[in-house]
Amino acid sequence: AMNRVQLLGRVGQDPIMRQVEGKNPVTIFSLATNEMWRTGESELNQGGEIWHPTLLFLCNLGDISQKTTWHRISVFRPGLRDVTYQYVKKGSRIFVEGKIDYGEYTDKNNVRRQATTIIA
């Protein structure tokens, strides 16, 4: 089995470092990724060639749609955790590789919530 994710995006806010008593510290930040696609006209141009998504900005065929997804990133490894906290800033474009973690927690209103986190 494999649990691996790779993301390239922009940091949403300066990372914060948290430490719960009796546990190792963790650096946390959000990362925005964008998906773009063309809507409207056919994917084929007059010559029958299929347009590559990165070329959509070079032509005026149909409308461009975009979806932004926010990811919660947690960094536990001591060296990487400290470097991330010190040097990564809001707006930085970074590549993150890690695993997906699905967890549950109870919020301040005593409601059980689910959270998806990328462990880098």
PDB file of N, CA and C in Angstrom:
ATOM      1  N   ALA A   1       0.842  -1.186   0.000  1.00  0.00           N
ATOM      2  CA  ALA A   1       0.000   0.000   0.000  1.00  0.00           C
ATOM      3  C   ALA A   1       0.879   1.239   0.000  1.00  0.00           C
ATOM      4  N   MET A   2       0.339   2.330  -0.505  1.00  0.00           N
ATOM      5  CA  MET A   2       1.085   3.583  -0.557  1.00  0.00           C
ATOM      6  C   MET A   2       0.171   4.747  -0.194  1.00  0.00           C
ATOM      7  N   ASN A   3       0.674   5.643   0.616  1.00  0.00           N
ATOM      8  CA  ASN A   3      -0.038   6.871   0.989  1.00  0.00           C
ATOM      9  C   ASN A   3       0.939   8.007   0.754  1.00  0.00           C
ATOM     10  N   ARG A   4       0.840   8.654  -0.409  1.00  0.00           N
ATOM     11  CA  ARG A   4       1.781   9.701  -0.782  1.00  0.00           C
ATOM     12  C   ARG A   4       1.062  10.780  -1.572  1.00  0.00           C
ATOM     13  N   VAL A   5       1.369  12.035  -1.248  1.00  0.00           N
ATOM     14  CA  VAL A   5       0.769  13.155  -1.959  1.00  0.00           C
ATOM     15  C   VAL A   5       1.848  14.179  -2.253  1.00  0.00           C
ATOM     16  N   GLN A   6       1.744  14.818  -3.415  1.00  0.00           N
ATOM     17  CA  GLN A   6       2.649  15.893  -3.810  1.00  0.00           C
ATOM     18  C   GLN A   6       1.807  17.102  -4.171  1.00  0.00           C
ATOM     19  N   LEU A   7       2.157  18.251  -3.603  1.00  0.00           N
ATOM     20  CA  LEU A   7       1.407  19.483  -3.841  1.00  0.00           C
ATOM     21  C   LEU A   7       2.363  20.612  -4.200  1.00  0.00           C
ATOM     22  N   LEU A   8       1.942  21.471  -5.105  1.00  0.00           N
ATOM     23  CA  LEU A   8       2.672  22.684  -5.447  1.00  0.00           C
ATOM     24  C   LEU A   8       1.676  23.821  -5.350  1.00  0.00           C
ATOM     25  N   GLY A   9       1.949  24.766  -4.473  1.00  0.00           N
ATOM     26  CA  GLY A   9       0.996  25.843  -4.284  1.00  0.00           C
ATOM     27  C   GLY A   9       1.592  27.003  -3.514  1.00  0.00           C
ATOM     28  N   ARG A  10       0.707  27.880  -3.048  1.00  0.00           N
ATOM     29  CA  ARG A  10       1.113  29.070  -2.298  1.00  0.00           C
ATOM     30  C   ARG A  10       0.643  28.975  -0.852  1.00  0.00           C
ATOM     31  N   VAL A  11       1.520  29.422   0.041  1.00  0.00           N
ATOM     32  CA  VAL A  11       1.249  29.384   1.480  1.00  0.00           C
ATOM     33  C   VAL A  11       0.217  30.461   1.821  1.00  0.00           C
ATOM     34  N   GLY A  12      -0.798  30.088   2.610  1.00  0.00           N
ATOM     35  CA  GLY A  12      -1.904  30.985   2.934  1.00  0.00           C
ATOM     36  C   GLY A  12      -1.639  31.919   4.099  1.00  0.00           C
ATOM     37  N   GLN A  13      -0.818  31.505   5.046  1.00  0.00           N
ATOM     38  CA  GLN A  13      -0.457  32.376   6.179  1.00  0.00           C
ATOM     39  C   GLN A  13       0.888  31.919   6.711  1.00  0.00           C
ATOM     40  N   ASP A  14       1.575  32.807   7.448  1.00  0.00           N
ATOM     41  CA  ASP A  14       2.856  32.409   8.030  1.00  0.00           C
ATOM     42  C   ASP A  14       2.645  31.172   8.898  1.00  0.00           C
ATOM     43  N   PRO A  15       3.550  30.205   8.827  1.00  0.00           N
ATOM     44  CA  PRO A  15       3.420  28.998   9.647  1.00  0.00           C
ATOM     45  C   PRO A  15       3.433  29.326  11.146  1.00  0.00           C
ATOM     46  N   ILE A  16       2.740  28.500  11.899  1.00  0.00           N
ATOM     47  CA  ILE A  16       2.755  28.614  13.365  1.00  0.00           C
ATOM     48  C   ILE A  16       3.325  27.319  13.921  1.00  0.00           C
ATOM     49  N   MET A  17       3.923  27.409  15.096  1.00  0.00           N
ATOM     50  CA  MET A  17       4.427  26.209  15.754  1.00  0.00           C
ATOM     51  C   MET A  17       3.598  25.995  17.014  1.00  0.00           C
ATOM     52  N   ARG A  18       3.109  24.780  17.173  1.00  0.00           N
ATOM     53  CA  ARG A  18       2.296  24.427  18.351  1.00  0.00           C
ATOM     54  C   ARG A  18       2.946  23.267  19.072  1.00  0.00           C
ATOM     55  N   GLN A  19       2.735  23.257  20.382  1.00  0.00           N
ATOM     56  CA  GLN A  19       3.201  22.122  21.165  1.00  0.00           C
ATOM     57  C   GLN A  19       2.190  21.836  22.250  1.00  0.00           C
ATOM     58  N   VAL A  20       1.679  20.622  22.242  1.00  0.00           N
ATOM     59  CA  VAL A  20       0.774  20.158  23.281  1.00  0.00           C
ATOM     60  C   VAL A  20       1.636  19.485  24.334  1.00  0.00           C
ATOM     61  N   GLU A  21       1.307  19.710  25.584  1.00  0.00           N
ATOM     62  CA  GLU A  21       2.111  19.160  26.680  1.00  0.00           C
ATOM     63  C   GLU A  21       2.321  17.661  26.509  1.00  0.00           C
ATOM     64  N   GLY A  22       3.573  17.255  26.601  1.00  0.00           N
ATOM     65  CA  GLY A  22       3.905  15.837  26.488  1.00  0.00           C
ATOM     66  C   GLY A  22       4.062  15.346  25.058  1.00  0.00           C
ATOM     67  N   LYS A  23       3.897  16.228  24.064  1.00  0.00           N
ATOM     68  CA  LYS A  23       4.030  15.829  22.661  1.00  0.00           C
ATOM     69  C   LYS A  23       5.081  16.694  21.974  1.00  0.00           C
ATOM     70  N   ASN A  24       5.587  16.192  20.859  1.00  0.00           N
ATOM     71  CA  ASN A  24       6.562  16.945  20.083  1.00  0.00           C
ATOM     72  C   ASN A  24       5.909  18.159  19.418  1.00  0.00           C
ATOM     73  N   PRO A  25       6.667  19.255  19.224  1.00  0.00           N
ATOM     74  CA  PRO A  25       6.088  20.410  18.532  1.00  0.00           C
ATOM     75  C   PRO A  25       5.794  20.092  17.071  1.00  0.00           C
ATOM     76  N   VAL A  26       4.913  20.882  16.469  1.00  0.00           N
ATOM     77  CA  VAL A  26       4.539  20.724  15.066  1.00  0.00           C
ATOM     78  C   VAL A  26       4.405  22.114  14.446  1.00  0.00           C
ATOM     79  N   THR A  27       4.880  22.254  13.216  1.00  0.00           N
ATOM     80  CA  THR A  27       4.683  23.492  12.457  1.00  0.00           C
ATOM     81  C   THR A  27       3.508  23.262  11.519  1.00  0.00           C
ATOM     82  N   ILE A  28       2.575  24.213  11.496  1.00  0.00           N
ATOM     83  CA  ILE A  28       1.330  24.082  10.736  1.00  0.00           C
ATOM     84  C   ILE A  28       1.157  25.296   9.828  1.00  0.00           C
ATOM     85  N   PHE A  29       0.716  25.040   8.593  1.00  0.00           N
ATOM     86  CA  PHE A  29       0.360  26.140   7.686  1.00  0.00           C
ATOM     87  C   PHE A  29      -0.637  25.625   6.659  1.00  0.00           C
ATOM     88  N   SER A  30      -1.263  26.547   5.949  1.00  0.00           N
ATOM     89  CA  SER A  30      -2.194  26.160   4.887  1.00  0.00           C
ATOM     90  C   SER A  30      -1.539  26.413   3.536  1.00  0.00           C
ATOM     91  N   LEU A  31      -1.911  25.586   2.566  1.00  0.00           N
ATOM     92  CA  LEU A  31      -1.366  25.679   1.222  1.00  0.00           C
ATOM     93  C   LEU A  31      -2.530  25.661   0.231  1.00  0.00           C
ATOM     94  N   ALA A  32      -2.529  26.614  -0.689  1.00  0.00           N
ATOM     95  CA  ALA A  32      -3.568  26.685  -1.722  1.00  0.00           C
ATOM     96  C   ALA A  32      -3.049  26.098  -3.022  1.00  0.00           C
ATOM     97  N   THR A  33      -3.828  25.193  -3.611  1.00  0.00           N
ATOM     98  CA  THR A  33      -3.520  24.687  -4.948  1.00  0.00           C
ATOM     99  C   THR A  33      -4.664  25.081  -5.867  1.00  0.00           C
ATOM    100  N   ASN A  34      -4.355  25.256  -7.145  1.00  0.00           N
ATOM    101  CA  ASN A  34      -5.361  25.677  -8.120  1.00  0.00           C
ATOM    102  C   ASN A  34      -5.460  24.669  -9.251  1.00  0.00           C
ATOM    103  N   GLU A  35      -6.694  24.405  -9.658  1.00  0.00           N
ATOM    104  CA  GLU A  35      -6.969  23.609 -10.857  1.00  0.00           C
ATOM    105  C   GLU A  35      -7.601  24.546 -11.861  1.00  0.00           C
ATOM    106  N   MET A  36      -7.161  24.463 -13.124  1.00  0.00           N
ATOM    107  CA  MET A  36      -7.756  25.295 -14.168  1.00  0.00           C
ATOM    108  C   MET A  36      -8.188  24.421 -15.323  1.00  0.00           C
ATOM    109  N   TRP A  37      -9.306  24.785 -15.932  1.00  0.00           N
ATOM    110  CA  TRP A  37      -9.777  24.064 -17.095  1.00  0.00           C
ATOM    111  C   TRP A  37     -10.592  25.010 -17.955  1.00  0.00           C
ATOM    112  N   ARG A  38     -10.734  24.639 -19.204  1.00  0.00           N
ATOM    113  CA  ARG A  38     -11.479  25.453 -20.157  1.00  0.00           C
ATOM    114  C   ARG A  38     -12.893  24.920 -20.287  1.00  0.00           C
ATOM    115  N   THR A  39     -13.844  25.804 -20.292  1.00  0.00           N
ATOM    116  CA  THR A  39     -15.240  25.422 -20.494  1.00  0.00           C
ATOM    117  C   THR A  39     -15.724  26.023 -21.804  1.00  0.00           C
ATOM    118  N   GLY A  40     -16.874  25.587 -22.234  1.00  0.00           N
ATOM    119  CA  GLY A  40     -17.444  26.184 -23.430  1.00  0.00           C
ATOM    120  C   GLY A  40     -17.161  25.356 -24.658  1.00  0.00           C
ATOM    121  N   GLU A  41     -16.397  25.936 -25.585  1.00  0.00           N
ATOM    122  CA  GLU A  41     -16.168  25.321 -26.888  1.00  0.00           C
ATOM    123  C   GLU A  41     -15.470  23.972 -26.778  1.00  0.00           C
ATOM    124  N   SER A  42     -15.455  23.273 -27.904  1.00  0.00           N
ATOM    125  CA  SER A  42     -14.819  21.952 -27.974  1.00  0.00           C
ATOM    126  C   SER A  42     -13.343  22.043 -27.611  1.00  0.00           C
ATOM    127  N   GLU A  43     -12.788  20.942 -27.081  1.00  0.00           N
ATOM    128  CA  GLU A  43     -11.372  20.885 -26.730  1.00  0.00           C
ATOM    129  C   GLU A  43     -10.487  20.872 -27.977  1.00  0.00           C
ATOM    130  N   LEU A  44     -11.062  20.701 -29.150  1.00  0.00           N
ATOM    131  CA  LEU A  44     -10.276  20.629 -30.371  1.00  0.00           C
ATOM    132  C   LEU A  44     -10.284  21.966 -31.094  1.00  0.00           C
ATOM    133  N   ASN A  45      -9.111  22.379 -31.600  1.00  0.00           N
ATOM    134  CA  ASN A  45      -9.071  23.578 -32.425  1.00  0.00           C
ATOM    135  C   ASN A  45      -9.349  23.186 -33.868  1.00  0.00           C
ATOM    136  N   GLN A  46      -9.266  24.134 -34.812  1.00  0.00           N
ATOM    137  CA  GLN A  46      -9.636  23.844 -36.195  1.00  0.00           C
ATOM    138  C   GLN A  46      -8.723  22.807 -36.841  1.00  0.00           C
ATOM    139  N   GLY A  47      -7.462  22.742 -36.419  1.00  0.00           N
ATOM    140  CA  GLY A  47      -6.537  21.780 -37.009  1.00  0.00           C
ATOM    141  C   GLY A  47      -6.670  20.393 -36.413  1.00  0.00           C
ATOM    142  N   GLY A  48      -7.528  20.230 -35.419  1.00  0.00           N
ATOM    143  CA  GLY A  48      -7.733  18.926 -34.817  1.00  0.00           C
ATOM    144  C   GLY A  48      -6.761  18.603 -33.694  1.00  0.00           C
ATOM    145  N   GLU A  49      -5.905  19.559 -33.328  1.00  0.00           N
ATOM    146  CA  GLU A  49      -4.958  19.318 -32.248  1.00  0.00           C
ATOM    147  C   GLU A  49      -5.623  19.568 -30.900  1.00  0.00           C
ATOM    148  N   ILE A  50      -5.264  18.764 -29.903  1.00  0.00           N
ATOM    149  CA  ILE A  50      -5.794  18.954 -28.557  1.00  0.00           C
ATOM    150  C   ILE A  50      -4.906  19.956 -27.836  1.00  0.00           C
ATOM    151  N   TRP A  51      -5.526  20.958 -27.229  1.00  0.00           N
ATOM    152  CA  TRP A  51      -4.772  21.989 -26.508  1.00  0.00           C
ATOM    153  C   TRP A  51      -4.353  21.482 -25.150  1.00  0.00           C
ATOM    154  N   HIS A  52      -3.105  21.682 -24.815  1.00  0.00           N
ATOM    155  CA  HIS A  52      -2.576  21.326 -23.497  1.00  0.00           C
ATOM    156  C   HIS A  52      -3.061  22.376 -22.496  1.00  0.00           C
ATOM    157  N   PRO A  53      -3.442  21.974 -21.255  1.00  0.00           N
ATOM    158  CA  PRO A  53      -3.978  22.928 -20.275  1.00  0.00           C
ATOM    159  C   PRO A  53      -3.080  24.144 -20.032  1.00  0.00           C
ATOM    160  N   THR A  54      -1.760  23.974 -20.072  1.00  0.00           N
ATOM    161  CA  THR A  54      -0.885  25.119 -19.812  1.00  0.00           C
ATOM    162  C   THR A  54      -0.870  26.099 -20.972  1.00  0.00           C
ATOM    163  N   LEU A  55      -1.355  25.687 -22.122  1.00  0.00           N
ATOM    164  CA  LEU A  55      -1.389  26.575 -23.277  1.00  0.00           C
ATOM    165  C   LEU A  55      -2.689  27.365 -23.365  1.00  0.00           C
ATOM    166  N   LEU A  56      -3.619  27.094 -22.473  1.00  0.00           N
ATOM    167  CA  LEU A  56      -4.914  27.755 -22.552  1.00  0.00           C
ATOM    168  C   LEU A  56      -4.799  29.266 -22.410  1.00  0.00           C
ATOM    169  N   PHE A  57      -3.779  29.742 -21.742  1.00  0.00           N
ATOM    170  CA  PHE A  57      -3.621  31.176 -21.559  1.00  0.00           C
ATOM    171  C   PHE A  57      -3.111  31.848 -22.826  1.00  0.00           C
ATOM    172  N   LEU A  58      -2.600  31.058 -23.758  1.00  0.00           N
ATOM    173  CA  LEU A  58      -2.047  31.612 -24.985  1.00  0.00           C
ATOM    174  C   LEU A  58      -3.086  31.724 -26.085  1.00  0.00           C
ATOM    175  N   CYS A  59      -4.244  31.172 -25.878  1.00  0.00           N
ATOM    176  CA  CYS A  59      -5.282  31.229 -26.898  1.00  0.00           C
ATOM    177  C   CYS A  59      -6.572  31.754 -26.278  1.00  0.00           C
ATOM    178  N   ASN A  60      -7.501  32.100 -27.110  1.00  0.00           N
ATOM    179  CA  ASN A  60      -8.766  32.649 -26.619  1.00  0.00           C
ATOM    180  C   ASN A  60      -9.894  31.715 -27.031  1.00  0.00           C
ATOM    181  N   LEU A  61      -9.896  30.496 -26.523  1.00  0.00           N
ATOM    182  CA  LEU A  61     -10.905  29.503 -26.863  1.00  0.00           C
ATOM    183  C   LEU A  61     -11.695  29.145 -25.614  1.00  0.00           C
ATOM    184  N   GLY A  62     -12.911  29.635 -25.496  1.00  0.00           N
ATOM    185  CA  GLY A  62     -13.737  29.295 -24.341  1.00  0.00           C
ATOM    186  C   GLY A  62     -13.325  30.058 -23.099  1.00  0.00           C
ATOM    187  N   ASP A  63     -14.009  29.783 -22.005  1.00  0.00           N
ATOM    188  CA  ASP A  63     -13.728  30.445 -20.735  1.00  0.00           C
ATOM    189  C   ASP A  63     -12.844  29.556 -19.872  1.00  0.00           C
ATOM    190  N   ILE A  64     -12.002  30.193 -19.088  1.00  0.00           N
ATOM    191  CA  ILE A  64     -11.142  29.472 -18.157  1.00  0.00           C
ATOM    192  C   ILE A  64     -11.830  29.444 -16.797  1.00  0.00           C
ATOM    193  N   SER A  65     -11.981  28.265 -16.234  1.00  0.00           N
ATOM    194  CA  SER A  65     -12.532  28.120 -14.892  1.00  0.00           C
ATOM    195  C   SER A  65     -11.408  27.708 -13.958  1.00  0.00           C
ATOM    196  N   GLN A  66     -11.554  28.075 -12.697  1.00  0.00           N
ATOM    197  CA  GLN A  66     -10.516  27.770 -11.719  1.00  0.00           C
ATOM    198  C   GLN A  66     -11.147  27.354 -10.405  1.00  0.00           C
ATOM    199  N   LYS A  67     -10.504  26.394  -9.743  1.00  0.00           N
ATOM    200  CA  LYS A  67     -10.926  25.960  -8.418  1.00  0.00           C
ATOM    201  C   LYS A  67      -9.711  25.978  -7.512  1.00  0.00           C
ATOM    202  N   THR A  68      -9.827  26.644  -6.359  1.00  0.00           N
ATOM    203  CA  THR A  68      -8.756  26.677  -5.363  1.00  0.00           C
ATOM    204  C   THR A  68      -9.119  25.715  -4.236  1.00  0.00           C
ATOM    205  N   THR A  69      -8.167  24.873  -3.862  1.00  0.00           N
ATOM    206  CA  THR A  69      -8.344  23.942  -2.749  1.00  0.00           C
ATOM    207  C   THR A  69      -7.305  24.272  -1.687  1.00  0.00           C
ATOM    208  N   TRP A  70      -7.764  24.345  -0.429  1.00  0.00           N
ATOM    209  CA  TRP A  70      -6.870  24.629   0.693  1.00  0.00           C
ATOM    210  C   TRP A  70      -6.523  23.338   1.411  1.00  0.00           C
ATOM    211  N   HIS A  71      -5.233  23.182   1.710  1.00  0.00           N
ATOM    212  CA  HIS A  71      -4.724  21.995   2.380  1.00  0.00           C
ATOM    213  C   HIS A  71      -4.060  22.412   3.689  1.00  0.00           C
ATOM    214  N   ARG A  72      -4.279  21.631   4.735  1.00  0.00           N
ATOM    215  CA  ARG A  72      -3.610  21.861   6.021  1.00  0.00           C
ATOM    216  C   ARG A  72      -2.354  20.998   6.040  1.00  0.00           C
ATOM    217  N   ILE A  73      -1.206  21.641   6.249  1.00  0.00           N
ATOM    218  CA  ILE A  73       0.081  20.957   6.233  1.00  0.00           C
ATOM    219  C   ILE A  73       0.643  20.950   7.649  1.00  0.00           C
ATOM    220  N   SER A  74       1.080  19.775   8.130  1.00  0.00           N
ATOM    221  CA  SER A  74       1.714  19.639   9.446  1.00  0.00           C
ATOM    222  C   SER A  74       3.100  19.045   9.259  1.00  0.00           C
ATOM    223  N   VAL A  75       4.097  19.685   9.882  1.00  0.00           N
ATOM    224  CA  VAL A  75       5.480  19.236   9.761  1.00  0.00           C
ATOM    225  C   VAL A  75       5.977  18.864  11.157  1.00  0.00           C
ATOM    226  N   PHE A  76       6.285  17.579  11.365  1.00  0.00           N
ATOM    227  CA  PHE A  76       6.713  17.079  12.669  1.00  0.00           C
ATOM    228  C   PHE A  76       8.219  16.855  12.761  1.00  0.00           C
ATOM    229  N   ARG A  77       8.891  16.517  11.644  1.00  0.00           N
ATOM    230  CA  ARG A  77      10.322  16.189  11.681  1.00  0.00           C
ATOM    231  C   ARG A  77      11.122  17.391  12.172  1.00  0.00           C
ATOM    232  N   PRO A  78      11.937  17.216  13.227  1.00  0.00           N
ATOM    233  CA  PRO A  78      12.602  18.356  13.877  1.00  0.00           C
ATOM    234  C   PRO A  78      13.338  19.316  12.950  1.00  0.00           C
ATOM    235  N   GLY A  79      14.214  18.845  12.074  1.00  0.00           N
ATOM    236  CA  GLY A  79      14.946  19.762  11.195  1.00  0.00           C
ATOM    237  C   GLY A  79      14.025  20.498  10.236  1.00  0.00           C
ATOM    238  N   LEU A  80      13.178  19.743   9.549  1.00  0.00           N
ATOM    239  CA  LEU A  80      12.267  20.333   8.575  1.00  0.00           C
ATOM    240  C   LEU A  80      11.240  21.233   9.249  1.00  0.00           C
ATOM    241  N   ARG A  81      10.744  20.826  10.403  1.00  0.00           N
ATOM    242  CA  ARG A  81       9.774  21.615  11.168  1.00  0.00           C
ATOM    243  C   ARG A  81      10.331  23.010  11.477  1.00  0.00           C
ATOM    244  N   ASP A  82      11.595  23.074  11.938  1.00  0.00           N
ATOM    245  CA  ASP A  82      12.189  24.348  12.335  1.00  0.00           C
ATOM    246  C   ASP A  82      12.493  25.227  11.120  1.00  0.00           C
ATOM    247  N   VAL A  83      13.002  24.636  10.050  1.00  0.00           N
ATOM    248  CA  VAL A  83      13.291  25.392   8.824  1.00  0.00           C
ATOM    249  C   VAL A  83      11.997  25.952   8.232  1.00  0.00           C
ATOM    250  N   THR A  84      10.949  25.133   8.232  1.00  0.00           N
ATOM    251  CA  THR A  84       9.652  25.583   7.725  1.00  0.00           C
ATOM    252  C   THR A  84       9.149  26.773   8.529  1.00  0.00           C
ATOM    253  N   TYR A  85       9.217  26.673   9.835  1.00  0.00           N
ATOM    254  CA  TYR A  85       8.735  27.754  10.703  1.00  0.00           C
ATOM    255  C   TYR A  85       9.533  29.042  10.476  1.00  0.00           C
ATOM    256  N   GLN A  86      10.822  28.916  10.276  1.00  0.00           N
ATOM    257  CA  GLN A  86      11.684  30.089  10.172  1.00  0.00           C
ATOM    258  C   GLN A  86      11.634  30.753   8.795  1.00  0.00           C
ATOM    259  N   TYR A  87      11.572  29.963   7.717  1.00  0.00           N
ATOM    260  CA  TYR A  87      11.770  30.529   6.383  1.00  0.00           C
ATOM    261  C   TYR A  87      10.535  30.584   5.481  1.00  0.00           C
ATOM    262  N   VAL A  88       9.550  29.746   5.700  1.00  0.00           N
ATOM    263  CA  VAL A  88       8.353  29.755   4.852  1.00  0.00           C
ATOM    264  C   VAL A  88       7.449  30.910   5.299  1.00  0.00           C
ATOM    265  N   LYS A  89       6.989  31.695   4.348  1.00  0.00           N
ATOM    266  CA  LYS A  89       6.163  32.863   4.656  1.00  0.00           C
ATOM    267  C   LYS A  89       4.904  32.864   3.793  1.00  0.00           C
ATOM    268  N   LYS A  90       3.908  33.623   4.228  1.00  0.00           N
ATOM    269  CA  LYS A  90       2.668  33.776   3.467  1.00  0.00           C
ATOM    270  C   LYS A  90       3.007  34.209   2.041  1.00  0.00           C
ATOM    271  N   GLY A  91       2.393  33.530   1.070  1.00  0.00           N
ATOM    272  CA  GLY A  91       2.607  33.845  -0.330  1.00  0.00           C
ATOM    273  C   GLY A  91       3.727  33.065  -0.991  1.00  0.00           C
ATOM    274  N   SER A  92       4.570  32.385  -0.193  1.00  0.00           N
ATOM    275  CA  SER A  92       5.654  31.587  -0.764  1.00  0.00           C
ATOM    276  C   SER A  92       5.086  30.482  -1.639  1.00  0.00           C
ATOM    277  N   ARG A  93       5.723  30.229  -2.770  1.00  0.00           N
ATOM    278  CA  ARG A  93       5.328  29.113  -3.633  1.00  0.00           C
ATOM    279  C   ARG A  93       6.229  27.948  -3.263  1.00  0.00           C
ATOM    280  N   ILE A  94       5.645  26.865  -2.781  1.00  0.00           N
ATOM    281  CA  ILE A  94       6.448  25.735  -2.316  1.00  0.00           C
ATOM    282  C   ILE A  94       5.884  24.405  -2.808  1.00  0.00           C
ATOM    283  N   PHE A  95       6.756  23.419  -2.806  1.00  0.00           N
ATOM    284  CA  PHE A  95       6.411  22.042  -3.120  1.00  0.00           C
ATOM    285  C   PHE A  95       6.387  21.267  -1.807  1.00  0.00           C
ATOM    286  N   VAL A  96       5.321  20.518  -1.583  1.00  0.00           N
ATOM    287  CA  VAL A  96       5.184  19.716  -0.362  1.00  0.00           C
ATOM    288  C   VAL A  96       4.967  18.268  -0.759  1.00  0.00           C
ATOM    289  N   GLU A  97       5.687  17.369  -0.106  1.00  0.00           N
ATOM    290  CA  GLU A  97       5.475  15.943  -0.297  1.00  0.00           C
ATOM    291  C   GLU A  97       5.235  15.322   1.066  1.00  0.00           C
ATOM    292  N   GLY A  98       4.229  14.479   1.152  1.00  0.00           N
ATOM    293  CA  GLY A  98       3.929  13.855   2.428  1.00  0.00           C
ATOM    294  C   GLY A  98       2.867  12.789   2.278  1.00  0.00           C
ATOM    295  N   LYS A  99       2.160  12.552   3.382  1.00  0.00           N
ATOM    296  CA  LYS A  99       1.090  11.555   3.372  1.00  0.00           C
ATOM    297  C   LYS A  99      -0.196  12.209   3.873  1.00  0.00           C
ATOM    298  N   ILE A 100      -1.323  11.626   3.490  1.00  0.00           N
ATOM    299  CA  ILE A 100      -2.628  12.124   3.913  1.00  0.00           C
ATOM    300  C   ILE A 100      -3.008  11.448   5.228  1.00  0.00           C
ATOM    301  N   ASP A 101      -3.482  12.261   6.161  1.00  0.00           N
ATOM    302  CA  ASP A 101      -3.928  11.740   7.453  1.00  0.00           C
ATOM    303  C   ASP A 101      -5.363  12.214   7.692  1.00  0.00           C
ATOM    304  N   TYR A 102      -6.248  11.274   7.981  1.00  0.00           N
ATOM    305  CA  TYR A 102      -7.631  11.595   8.305  1.00  0.00           C
ATOM    306  C   TYR A 102      -7.816  11.416   9.802  1.00  0.00           C
ATOM    307  N   GLY A 103      -8.295  12.435  10.458  1.00  0.00           N
ATOM    308  CA  GLY A 103      -8.455  12.336  11.900  1.00  0.00           C
ATOM    309  C   GLY A 103      -9.740  12.982  12.371  1.00  0.00           C
ATOM    310  N   GLU A 104     -10.006  12.815  13.643  1.00  0.00           N
ATOM    311  CA  GLU A 104     -11.174  13.425  14.277  1.00  0.00           C
ATOM    312  C   GLU A 104     -10.731  14.201  15.495  1.00  0.00           C
ATOM    313  N   TYR A 105     -11.472  15.233  15.815  1.00  0.00           N
ATOM    314  CA  TYR A 105     -11.222  16.006  17.026  1.00  0.00           C
ATOM    315  C   TYR A 105     -12.547  16.561  17.526  1.00  0.00           C
ATOM    316  N   THR A 106     -12.548  17.044  18.751  1.00  0.00           N
ATOM    317  CA  THR A 106     -13.734  17.676  19.328  1.00  0.00           C
ATOM    318  C   THR A 106     -13.463  19.164  19.438  1.00  0.00           C
ATOM    319  N   ASP A 107     -14.335  19.978  18.841  1.00  0.00           N
ATOM    320  CA  ASP A 107     -14.118  21.425  18.873  1.00  0.00           C
ATOM    321  C   ASP A 107     -14.530  22.026  20.213  1.00  0.00           C
ATOM    322  N   LYS A 108     -14.394  23.355  20.323  1.00  0.00           N
ATOM    323  CA  LYS A 108     -14.665  24.025  21.597  1.00  0.00           C
ATOM    324  C   LYS A 108     -16.134  23.955  22.009  1.00  0.00           C
ATOM    325  N   ASN A 109     -17.018  23.631  21.057  1.00  0.00           N
ATOM    326  CA  ASN A 109     -18.441  23.471  21.363  1.00  0.00           C
ATOM    327  C   ASN A 109     -18.802  22.010  21.615  1.00  0.00           C
ATOM    328  N   ASN A 110     -17.778  21.179  21.785  1.00  0.00           N
ATOM    329  CA  ASN A 110     -17.951  19.757  22.065  1.00  0.00           C
ATOM    330  C   ASN A 110     -18.612  19.004  20.902  1.00  0.00           C
ATOM    331  N   VAL A 111     -18.328  19.472  19.669  1.00  0.00           N
ATOM    332  CA  VAL A 111     -18.840  18.818  18.469  1.00  0.00           C
ATOM    333  C   VAL A 111     -17.690  18.060  17.816  1.00  0.00           C
ATOM    334  N   ARG A 112     -17.939  16.803  17.473  1.00  0.00           N
ATOM    335  CA  ARG A 112     -16.900  15.988  16.796  1.00  0.00           C
ATOM    336  C   ARG A 112     -16.761  16.435  15.358  1.00  0.00           C
ATOM    337  N   ARG A 113     -15.536  16.657  14.953  1.00  0.00           N
ATOM    338  CA  ARG A 113     -15.235  17.121  13.590  1.00  0.00           C
ATOM    339  C   ARG A 113     -14.208  16.194  12.951  1.00  0.00           C
ATOM    340  N   GLN A 114     -14.214  16.184  11.627  1.00  0.00           N
ATOM    341  CA  GLN A 114     -13.213  15.425  10.890  1.00  0.00           C
ATOM    342  C   GLN A 114     -12.233  16.421  10.268  1.00  0.00           C
ATOM    343  N   ALA A 115     -10.975  16.010  10.169  1.00  0.00           N
ATOM    344  CA  ALA A 115      -9.935  16.863   9.580  1.00  0.00           C
ATOM    345  C   ALA A 115      -9.034  16.029   8.690  1.00  0.00           C
ATOM    346  N   THR A 116      -8.684  16.611   7.550  1.00  0.00           N
ATOM    347  CA  THR A 116      -7.727  15.997   6.649  1.00  0.00           C
ATOM    348  C   THR A 116      -6.455  16.836   6.681  1.00  0.00           C
ATOM    349  N   THR A 117      -5.328  16.192   6.929  1.00  0.00           N
ATOM    350  CA  THR A 117      -4.049  16.886   7.046  1.00  0.00           C
ATOM    351  C   THR A 117      -3.011  16.205   6.176  1.00  0.00           C
ATOM    352  N   ILE A 118      -2.124  16.990   5.599  1.00  0.00           N
ATOM    353  CA  ILE A 118      -0.979  16.453   4.913  1.00  0.00           C
ATOM    354  C   ILE A 118       0.181  16.464   5.894  1.00  0.00           C
ATOM    355  N   ILE A 119       0.743  15.302   6.192  1.00  0.00           N
ATOM    356  CA  ILE A 119       1.895  15.193   7.083  1.00  0.00           C
ATOM    357  C   ILE A 119       3.144  15.231   6.220  1.00  0.00           C
ATOM    358  N   ALA A 120       3.891  16.324   6.303  1.00  0.00           N
ATOM    359  CA  ALA A 120       5.080  16.521   5.470  1.00  0.00           C
ATOM    360  C   ALA A 120       6.326  16.060   6.205  1.00  0.00           C
TER     361      ALA A 120
END
